[in-house]
Amino acid sequence: MSPTARGPMKLPRPSEEAKAVFAKLVPDGPAVTLKPMFGQLSAFVNGNMFCGLFGEDLVVRLPEPEIAKSSSRAAGTSSPWPATRWAVT
């Protein structure tokens, strides 16, 4: 089935409250920026995304060994970006 036959992909949207809490959570620094991305809000350090919102969920990029140790949902199963390693809380 072609993408147009299915219609556009529906991404969850974060609430304004989630965006405000996320903005307070992200460390302040000259190399850190907040940017909207696909209707979500993401944080970047030196241009590399390190965490963001996916709907009401917080996603954090972690090294492989840390993902296994974390108590969050496994990356790849509910991660919006299964090709990279993300922990979804």
N, C-alpha and C. Protein backbone atom coordinates (compact mmCIF):
# COMPACT_ATOMS: atom_id res chain seq x y z
N MET A 1 0.84 -1.17 0.00
CA MET A 1 0.00 0.00 0.00
C MET A 1 0.89 1.24 0.00
N SER A 2 0.60 2.16 -0.84
CA SER A 2 1.40 3.38 -0.91
C SER A 2 1.11 4.28 0.29
N PRO A 3 2.08 5.13 0.67
CA PRO A 3 1.85 6.03 1.81
C PRO A 3 0.63 6.93 1.66
N THR A 4 0.35 7.35 0.43
CA THR A 4 -0.81 8.22 0.25
C THR A 4 -2.11 7.46 0.43
N ALA A 5 -2.13 6.17 0.14
CA ALA A 5 -3.34 5.37 0.33
C ALA A 5 -3.65 5.21 1.82
N ARG A 6 -2.61 5.15 2.66
CA ARG A 6 -2.81 5.01 4.11
C ARG A 6 -3.13 6.34 4.76
N GLY A 7 -2.74 7.41 4.14
CA GLY A 7 -2.90 8.73 4.73
C GLY A 7 -1.65 9.11 5.50
N PRO A 8 -1.61 10.32 5.98
CA PRO A 8 -0.41 10.78 6.69
C PRO A 8 -0.27 10.07 8.03
N MET A 9 0.98 9.91 8.45
CA MET A 9 1.26 9.27 9.73
C MET A 9 0.83 10.20 10.86
N LYS A 10 0.14 9.67 11.85
CA LYS A 10 -0.32 10.47 12.98
C LYS A 10 0.69 10.33 14.12
N LEU A 11 1.36 11.43 14.43
CA LEU A 11 2.30 11.43 15.55
C LEU A 11 1.60 12.00 16.78
N PRO A 12 1.90 11.45 17.97
CA PRO A 12 1.31 12.04 19.17
C PRO A 12 1.88 13.44 19.38
N ARG A 13 1.12 14.32 19.94
CA ARG A 13 1.56 15.69 20.19
C ARG A 13 1.74 15.90 21.68
N PRO A 14 2.84 16.54 22.07
CA PRO A 14 3.01 16.85 23.50
C PRO A 14 2.10 18.01 23.91
N SER A 15 1.66 17.97 25.16
CA SER A 15 0.86 19.07 25.68
C SER A 15 1.76 20.28 25.95
N GLU A 16 1.16 21.43 26.10
CA GLU A 16 1.93 22.63 26.43
C GLU A 16 2.61 22.46 27.79
N GLU A 17 1.94 21.77 28.70
CA GLU A 17 2.53 21.51 30.02
C GLU A 17 3.78 20.63 29.89
N ALA A 18 3.71 19.59 29.07
CA ALA A 18 4.87 18.71 28.86
C ALA A 18 6.03 19.50 28.25
N LYS A 19 5.73 20.37 27.31
CA LYS A 19 6.78 21.19 26.69
C LYS A 19 7.44 22.11 27.72
N ALA A 20 6.63 22.71 28.61
CA ALA A 20 7.17 23.60 29.64
C ALA A 20 8.05 22.85 30.63
N VAL A 21 7.61 21.68 31.06
CA VAL A 21 8.40 20.86 31.98
C VAL A 21 9.70 20.42 31.31
N PHE A 22 9.61 20.00 30.05
CA PHE A 22 10.80 19.58 29.31
C PHE A 22 11.81 20.72 29.20
N ALA A 23 11.33 21.91 28.88
CA ALA A 23 12.22 23.07 28.73
C ALA A 23 12.95 23.37 30.04
N LYS A 24 12.29 23.16 31.17
CA LYS A 24 12.94 23.37 32.47
C LYS A 24 13.95 22.27 32.79
N LEU A 25 13.69 21.07 32.28
CA LEU A 25 14.56 19.91 32.52
C LEU A 25 15.90 19.99 31.79
N VAL A 26 15.87 20.54 30.61
CA VAL A 26 17.07 20.58 29.75
C VAL A 26 18.09 21.55 30.35
N PRO A 27 19.34 21.10 30.49
CA PRO A 27 20.36 21.98 31.05
C PRO A 27 20.60 23.20 30.17
N ASP A 28 20.93 24.30 30.83
CA ASP A 28 21.22 25.53 30.12
C ASP A 28 22.72 25.57 29.81
N GLY A 29 23.07 25.85 28.62
CA GLY A 29 24.48 25.95 28.24
C GLY A 29 24.61 26.52 26.85
N PRO A 30 25.78 27.05 26.54
CA PRO A 30 25.95 27.68 25.22
C PRO A 30 25.83 26.70 24.05
N ALA A 31 26.14 25.42 24.28
CA ALA A 31 26.08 24.44 23.20
C ALA A 31 24.73 23.73 23.13
N VAL A 32 23.82 24.02 24.08
CA VAL A 32 22.53 23.34 24.16
C VAL A 32 21.44 24.21 23.54
N THR A 33 20.64 23.60 22.66
CA THR A 33 19.53 24.30 22.04
C THR A 33 18.27 23.46 22.09
N LEU A 34 17.13 24.12 22.16
CA LEU A 34 15.83 23.47 22.05
C LEU A 34 15.26 23.82 20.69
N LYS A 35 14.74 22.80 20.00
CA LYS A 35 14.15 23.04 18.67
C LYS A 35 12.92 22.17 18.50
N PRO A 36 11.92 22.69 17.80
CA PRO A 36 10.79 21.83 17.44
C PRO A 36 11.23 20.86 16.34
N MET A 37 10.72 19.66 16.41
CA MET A 37 11.08 18.65 15.41
C MET A 37 9.88 17.74 15.19
N PHE A 38 9.28 17.79 14.02
CA PHE A 38 8.12 16.97 13.66
C PHE A 38 6.98 17.14 14.66
N GLY A 39 6.77 18.36 15.14
CA GLY A 39 5.70 18.63 16.09
C GLY A 39 6.06 18.31 17.52
N GLN A 40 7.25 17.82 17.75
CA GLN A 40 7.73 17.50 19.09
C GLN A 40 8.70 18.60 19.52
N LEU A 41 9.29 18.47 20.69
CA LEU A 41 10.31 19.39 21.14
C LEU A 41 11.54 18.56 21.47
N SER A 42 12.70 18.96 20.96
CA SER A 42 13.93 18.19 21.13
C SER A 42 15.05 19.08 21.65
N ALA A 43 16.02 18.45 22.33
CA ALA A 43 17.19 19.16 22.84
C ALA A 43 18.43 18.64 22.13
N PHE A 44 19.29 19.57 21.77
CA PHE A 44 20.51 19.25 21.03
C PHE A 44 21.71 19.82 21.76
N VAL A 45 22.82 19.09 21.72
CA VAL A 45 24.09 19.63 22.20
C VAL A 45 25.06 19.56 21.02
N ASN A 46 25.64 20.70 20.68
CA ASN A 46 26.53 20.79 19.52
C ASN A 46 25.88 20.21 18.26
N GLY A 47 24.58 20.42 18.12
CA GLY A 47 23.86 19.96 16.93
C GLY A 47 23.40 18.52 16.96
N ASN A 48 23.71 17.76 18.03
CA ASN A 48 23.31 16.36 18.14
C ASN A 48 22.16 16.21 19.13
N MET A 49 21.08 15.59 18.69
CA MET A 49 19.94 15.40 19.57
C MET A 49 20.29 14.44 20.69
N PHE A 50 20.00 14.84 21.94
CA PHE A 50 20.28 13.95 23.07
C PHE A 50 19.03 13.60 23.85
N CYS A 51 17.97 14.35 23.70
CA CYS A 51 16.70 13.97 24.32
C CYS A 51 15.58 14.76 23.66
N GLY A 52 14.37 14.32 23.91
CA GLY A 52 13.24 15.01 23.33
C GLY A 52 11.93 14.46 23.84
N LEU A 53 10.87 15.07 23.38
CA LEU A 53 9.53 14.60 23.68
C LEU A 53 9.00 13.83 22.48
N PHE A 54 8.24 12.79 22.76
CA PHE A 54 7.49 12.08 21.73
C PHE A 54 6.10 11.92 22.31
N GLY A 55 5.23 12.85 21.96
CA GLY A 55 3.94 12.94 22.65
C GLY A 55 4.21 13.38 24.08
N GLU A 56 3.72 12.61 25.04
CA GLU A 56 3.94 12.92 26.45
C GLU A 56 5.14 12.16 27.01
N ASP A 57 5.81 11.36 26.19
CA ASP A 57 6.96 10.56 26.64
C ASP A 57 8.26 11.33 26.45
N LEU A 58 9.19 11.10 27.36
CA LEU A 58 10.54 11.63 27.26
C LEU A 58 11.42 10.56 26.64
N VAL A 59 12.17 10.91 25.61
CA VAL A 59 13.12 9.97 25.01
C VAL A 59 14.53 10.51 25.24
N VAL A 60 15.43 9.61 25.61
CA VAL A 60 16.80 9.99 25.94
C VAL A 60 17.74 9.06 25.20
N ARG A 61 18.74 9.64 24.55
CA ARG A 61 19.73 8.82 23.85
C ARG A 61 20.76 8.34 24.86
N LEU A 62 20.96 7.03 24.90
CA LEU A 62 21.88 6.41 25.85
C LEU A 62 22.81 5.44 25.14
N PRO A 63 24.01 5.21 25.71
CA PRO A 63 24.87 4.15 25.19
C PRO A 63 24.20 2.79 25.40
N GLU A 64 24.49 1.85 24.55
CA GLU A 64 23.88 0.52 24.60
C GLU A 64 23.88 -0.12 26.00
N PRO A 65 25.02 -0.14 26.72
CA PRO A 65 25.00 -0.77 28.05
C PRO A 65 24.05 -0.08 29.04
N GLU A 66 23.87 1.22 28.90
CA GLU A 66 23.00 1.96 29.81
C GLU A 66 21.53 1.67 29.54
N ILE A 67 21.18 1.41 28.30
CA ILE A 67 19.79 1.09 27.98
C ILE A 67 19.39 -0.20 28.68
N ALA A 68 20.26 -1.19 28.65
CA ALA A 68 19.96 -2.46 29.30
C ALA A 68 19.77 -2.28 30.80
N LYS A 69 20.49 -1.34 31.42
CA LYS A 69 20.40 -1.10 32.86
C LYS A 69 19.19 -0.25 33.25
N SER A 70 18.68 0.51 32.31
CA SER A 70 17.62 1.46 32.66
C SER A 70 16.31 0.74 32.92
N SER A 71 15.46 1.40 33.67
CA SER A 71 14.15 0.82 33.98
C SER A 71 13.08 1.29 32.98
N SER A 72 13.50 2.05 31.98
CA SER A 72 12.55 2.54 30.98
C SER A 72 12.25 1.44 29.97
N ARG A 73 11.27 1.73 29.12
CA ARG A 73 10.93 0.77 28.06
C ARG A 73 12.12 0.60 27.12
N ALA A 74 12.27 -0.57 26.58
CA ALA A 74 13.41 -0.86 25.70
C ALA A 74 13.35 -0.04 24.43
N ALA A 75 14.49 0.47 24.02
CA ALA A 75 14.57 1.20 22.76
C ALA A 75 14.31 0.24 21.61
N GLY A 76 13.70 0.73 20.60
CA GLY A 76 13.42 -0.10 19.43
C GLY A 76 12.02 -0.68 19.46
N THR A 77 11.49 -0.95 20.65
CA THR A 77 10.13 -1.48 20.72
C THR A 77 9.11 -0.36 20.73
N SER A 78 9.37 0.67 21.52
CA SER A 78 8.44 1.78 21.55
C SER A 78 9.14 3.09 21.19
N SER A 79 10.39 2.99 20.81
CA SER A 79 11.14 4.19 20.45
C SER A 79 10.66 4.72 19.11
N PRO A 80 10.51 6.05 19.02
CA PRO A 80 10.12 6.61 17.73
C PRO A 80 11.22 6.51 16.68
N TRP A 81 12.46 6.25 17.12
CA TRP A 81 13.60 6.14 16.22
C TRP A 81 14.31 4.82 16.47
N PRO A 82 13.76 3.69 16.00
CA PRO A 82 14.33 2.39 16.33
C PRO A 82 15.72 2.14 15.75
N ALA A 83 16.14 2.92 14.77
CA ALA A 83 17.47 2.70 14.19
C ALA A 83 18.58 3.20 15.12
N THR A 84 18.24 4.08 16.06
CA THR A 84 19.21 4.56 17.02
C THR A 84 18.78 4.10 18.40
N ARG A 85 19.67 4.21 19.36
CA ARG A 85 19.39 3.68 20.69
C ARG A 85 18.83 4.77 21.61
N TRP A 86 17.55 4.62 21.93
CA TRP A 86 16.86 5.60 22.76
C TRP A 86 16.12 4.88 23.86
N ALA A 87 16.12 5.45 25.04
CA ALA A 87 15.30 4.94 26.14
C ALA A 87 14.06 5.83 26.20
N VAL A 88 12.90 5.20 26.30
CA VAL A 88 11.64 5.93 26.36
C VAL A 88 11.09 5.80 27.77
N THR A 89 10.85 6.95 28.41
CA THR A 89 10.33 6.91 29.78
C THR A 89 8.89 7.33 29.82
